[in-house]
Protein backbone atom coordinates (compact mmCIF):
# COMPACT_ATOMS: atom_id res chain seq x y z
CA UNK A 1 -129.51 -40.60 -5.82
CA UNK A 2 -130.28 -37.60 -8.02
CA UNK A 3 -130.18 -35.29 -5.00
CA UNK A 4 -126.84 -36.69 -3.82
CA UNK A 5 -125.38 -36.20 -7.30
CA UNK A 6 -126.63 -32.61 -7.34
CA UNK A 7 -125.07 -31.91 -3.92
CA UNK A 8 -121.75 -33.40 -5.04
CA UNK A 9 -121.85 -31.22 -8.15
CA UNK A 10 -122.63 -28.10 -6.08
CA UNK A 11 -119.74 -28.90 -3.72
CA UNK A 12 -117.43 -29.34 -6.68
CA UNK A 13 -118.49 -25.97 -8.08
CA UNK A 14 -117.96 -24.32 -4.68
CA UNK A 15 -114.46 -25.78 -4.38
CA UNK A 16 -113.71 -24.63 -7.91
CA UNK A 17 -114.85 -21.09 -7.07
CA UNK A 18 -112.62 -21.08 -4.00
CA UNK A 19 -109.65 -22.15 -6.10
CA UNK A 20 -110.12 -19.46 -8.77
CA UNK A 21 -110.92 -16.57 -6.38
CA UNK A 22 -107.43 -15.18 -6.89
CA UNK A 23 -103.80 -15.32 -5.80
CA UNK A 24 -102.90 -15.71 -2.14
CA UNK A 25 -102.47 -12.45 -0.25
CA UNK A 26 -100.85 -11.96 3.14
CA UNK A 27 -101.50 -9.08 5.53
CA UNK A 28 -99.29 -8.18 8.47
CA UNK A 29 -100.14 -5.61 11.14
CA UNK A 30 -98.04 -3.97 13.84
CA UNK A 31 -98.30 -1.20 16.43
CA UNK A 32 -94.93 0.50 15.91
CA UNK A 33 -95.26 2.99 18.82
CA UNK A 34 -93.71 5.88 16.91
CA UNK A 35 -91.59 6.19 13.77
CA UNK A 36 -89.86 9.52 14.31
CA UNK A 37 -86.53 7.83 15.07
CA UNK A 38 -84.48 7.01 11.91
CA UNK A 39 -83.21 3.82 13.59
CA UNK A 40 -86.80 2.72 14.34
CA UNK A 41 -87.87 3.41 10.74
CA UNK A 42 -84.92 1.41 9.46
CA UNK A 43 -85.81 -1.53 11.71
CA UNK A 44 -89.47 -1.47 10.67
CA UNK A 45 -88.52 -1.25 6.98
CA UNK A 46 -86.23 -4.27 7.45
CA UNK A 47 -89.02 -6.19 9.20
CA UNK A 48 -91.44 -5.47 6.34
CA UNK A 49 -88.91 -6.63 3.74
CA UNK A 50 -88.20 -9.79 5.75
CA UNK A 51 -91.91 -10.63 6.15
CA UNK A 52 -92.55 -9.76 2.47
CA UNK A 53 -96.36 -9.38 2.80
CA UNK A 54 -98.86 -8.29 0.20
CA UNK A 55 -100.14 -5.59 2.56
CA UNK A 56 -98.62 -4.11 5.72
CA UNK A 57 -100.73 -2.13 8.21
CA UNK A 58 -99.09 0.03 10.88
CA UNK A 59 -100.57 1.81 13.90
CA UNK A 60 -99.25 4.59 16.15
CA UNK A 61 -96.84 5.91 13.52
CA UNK A 62 -96.78 9.31 15.34
CA UNK A 63 -96.06 11.04 12.02
CA UNK A 64 -97.50 14.41 11.04
CA UNK A 65 -99.02 15.10 7.58
CA UNK A 66 -95.68 16.72 6.64
CA UNK A 67 -93.75 13.52 7.48
CA UNK A 68 -95.35 11.25 4.87
CA UNK A 69 -92.05 10.82 3.03
CA UNK A 70 -90.51 9.20 6.12
CA UNK A 71 -92.45 5.98 5.62
CA UNK A 72 -90.80 4.86 2.40
CA UNK A 73 -89.92 1.20 2.01
CA UNK A 74 -88.30 -0.14 -1.16
CA UNK A 75 -90.78 -2.43 -2.91
CA UNK A 76 -93.85 -0.82 -1.29
CA UNK A 77 -94.47 2.37 -3.26
CA UNK A 78 -98.19 2.54 -2.48
CA UNK A 79 -98.37 4.13 0.98
CA UNK A 80 -101.66 5.48 2.32
CA UNK A 81 -101.69 7.28 5.67
CA UNK A 82 -103.88 9.10 8.16
CA UNK A 83 -101.82 11.38 10.38
CA UNK A 84 -102.42 13.72 13.29
CA UNK A 85 -100.96 17.25 13.39
CA UNK A 86 -99.86 16.60 17.00
CA UNK A 87 -97.68 13.60 16.07
CA UNK A 88 -99.82 11.12 17.96
CA UNK A 89 -101.90 8.12 16.81
CA UNK A 90 -101.39 7.72 13.04
CA UNK A 91 -102.08 4.71 10.81
CA UNK A 92 -100.61 3.58 7.51
CA UNK A 93 -101.22 0.94 4.84
CA UNK A 94 -98.39 -0.17 2.56
CA UNK A 95 -99.12 -2.29 -0.52
CA UNK A 96 -96.46 -4.34 -2.28
CA UNK A 97 -95.33 -3.44 -5.80
CA UNK A 98 -95.65 -7.15 -6.62
CA UNK A 99 -99.45 -6.96 -6.72
CA UNK A 100 -101.89 -5.24 -9.04
CA UNK A 101 -103.75 -2.88 -6.71
CA UNK A 102 -105.99 -0.03 -7.81
CA UNK A 103 -107.50 2.30 -5.18
CA UNK A 104 -111.06 3.49 -5.83
CA UNK A 105 -111.92 5.25 -2.58
CA UNK A 106 -110.09 6.40 0.55
CA UNK A 107 -111.61 7.54 3.84
CA UNK A 108 -109.63 8.71 6.86
CA UNK A 109 -109.87 11.05 9.81
CA UNK A 110 -107.67 14.02 10.78
CA UNK A 111 -106.96 12.47 14.18
CA UNK A 112 -105.01 9.60 12.60
CA UNK A 113 -107.27 6.98 14.20
CA UNK A 114 -108.30 5.10 11.05
CA UNK A 115 -107.93 4.79 7.30
CA UNK A 116 -110.16 2.83 4.92
CA UNK A 117 -109.28 1.97 1.34
CA UNK A 118 -111.58 0.40 -1.23
CA UNK A 119 -110.17 -0.93 -4.46
CA UNK A 120 -109.26 -3.97 -6.47
CA UNK A 121 -106.43 -6.40 -5.82
CA UNK A 122 -105.78 -8.63 -8.84
CA UNK A 123 -109.20 -7.56 -10.15
CA UNK A 124 -110.91 -8.71 -6.93
CA UNK A 125 -112.77 -6.14 -4.81
CA UNK A 126 -111.25 -5.48 -1.41
CA UNK A 127 -112.03 -3.09 1.44
CA UNK A 128 -109.34 -2.68 4.08
CA UNK A 129 -109.80 -0.74 7.33
CA UNK A 130 -106.82 -0.05 9.59
CA UNK A 131 -107.81 1.23 13.06
CA UNK A 132 -105.92 2.59 16.03
CA UNK A 133 -108.52 2.97 18.78
CA UNK A 134 -107.86 5.42 21.63
CA UNK A 135 -106.85 3.99 25.01
CA UNK A 136 -109.91 5.55 26.66
CA UNK A 137 -113.37 4.77 25.28
CA UNK A 138 -112.15 2.28 22.68
CA UNK A 139 -115.34 0.11 22.49
CA UNK A 140 -117.54 3.16 21.92
CA UNK A 141 -115.10 4.55 19.33
CA UNK A 142 -114.93 1.30 17.34
CA UNK A 143 -118.70 0.78 17.47
CA UNK A 144 -119.35 4.34 16.23
CA UNK A 145 -116.76 3.93 13.46
CA UNK A 146 -118.39 0.70 12.29
CA UNK A 147 -121.76 2.48 12.17
CA UNK A 148 -120.25 5.34 10.13
CA UNK A 149 -118.59 2.90 7.68
CA UNK A 150 -121.55 0.49 7.57
CA UNK A 151 -122.32 1.20 3.90
CA UNK A 152 -118.70 0.44 2.95
CA UNK A 153 -118.43 -2.86 4.85
CA UNK A 154 -119.24 -6.02 2.88
CA UNK A 155 -118.05 -9.61 2.54
CA UNK A 156 -114.76 -8.39 1.01
CA UNK A 157 -113.88 -6.27 4.06
CA UNK A 158 -110.87 -6.92 6.27
CA UNK A 159 -110.42 -4.92 9.48
CA UNK A 160 -107.03 -4.82 11.20
CA UNK A 161 -105.37 -2.67 13.79
CA UNK A 162 -104.87 -2.03 17.47
CA UNK A 163 -108.39 -1.90 18.90
CA UNK A 164 -107.34 -1.66 22.57
CA UNK A 165 -110.30 -3.88 23.48
CA UNK A 166 -110.58 -7.40 24.96
CA UNK A 167 -113.56 -8.80 23.05
CA UNK A 168 -113.79 -11.98 25.14
CA UNK A 169 -112.79 -12.98 28.72
CA UNK A 170 -109.88 -15.00 27.26
CA UNK A 171 -108.29 -11.73 26.13
CA UNK A 172 -108.87 -10.02 29.46
CA UNK A 173 -106.12 -8.81 31.75
CA UNK A 174 -106.57 -7.99 35.43
CA UNK A 175 -107.19 -4.36 34.49
CA UNK A 176 -109.69 -4.94 31.69
CA UNK A 177 -113.14 -6.42 32.11
CA UNK A 178 -115.90 -7.26 29.66
CA UNK A 179 -118.25 -4.36 30.33
CA UNK A 180 -121.54 -3.23 28.81
CA UNK A 181 -119.83 -1.25 26.02
CA UNK A 182 -117.81 -4.29 24.93
CA UNK A 183 -120.94 -6.46 24.95
CA UNK A 184 -122.68 -3.86 22.75
CA UNK A 185 -119.67 -3.80 20.40
CA UNK A 186 -119.75 -7.60 20.09
CA UNK A 187 -123.46 -7.37 19.25
CA UNK A 188 -122.67 -4.83 16.52
CA UNK A 189 -119.93 -7.10 15.13
CA UNK A 190 -122.45 -9.97 14.99
CA UNK A 191 -125.05 -7.79 13.30
CA UNK A 192 -122.55 -6.83 10.61
CA UNK A 193 -121.38 -10.45 10.13
CA UNK A 194 -117.82 -9.54 11.10
CA UNK A 195 -115.70 -12.46 12.31
CA UNK A 196 -112.77 -12.34 14.74
CA UNK A 197 -110.28 -14.38 12.71
CA UNK A 198 -107.86 -14.90 15.59
CA UNK A 199 -110.61 -16.21 17.88
CA UNK A 200 -112.00 -18.40 15.07
CA UNK A 201 -108.59 -20.00 14.53
CA UNK A 202 -107.78 -20.15 18.27
CA UNK A 203 -111.16 -20.67 20.01
CA UNK A 204 -109.68 -21.87 23.32
CA UNK A 205 -106.38 -20.02 23.51
CA UNK A 206 -106.15 -17.58 26.41
CA UNK A 207 -104.36 -14.93 24.40
CA UNK A 208 -104.71 -12.40 21.63
CA UNK A 209 -102.75 -10.86 18.76
CA UNK A 210 -100.29 -8.33 20.13
């Protein structure tokens, strides 16, 4: 009886912790396939306002370091980008003015393939990594990136982006097969306790986020 009471009390405490963790946050992610067209930028800005997320992550912005001002959206003043001089790849993270976000650390590459931000969101630690993996050699690229960022990845880490990789046969197309490199990447994901949220929520759906 005493043990049961203790377990009930522990469960109650756990539920309480889950309730007080902090306000709800929503993250949206989209491969925009280039934002050099004013019409395209206008459409994406409208989409972001309509979705009204806490955080918006974009891939393939195709903006150069000189074009940072082109990704302005009213209500999302915090814009962090990694851009390529050649106007290819490119990733961006926009954070809503409605939330209390403080950046502590930013890592990114000059190729515009990824950006990582560490900070606090409503006083809660958060690490966000936005990745655009290359079309060729994506599994190897992502695995190497995870190894490089290993010290930064913890239980408050969220990874989003366009990985260009089918992690399971259910995500496979006729042109993509689960090869040795993908198996090794899945092993690395398991080692680092990273969870595929889409596959967790949709374990039997023959599809993927796109």
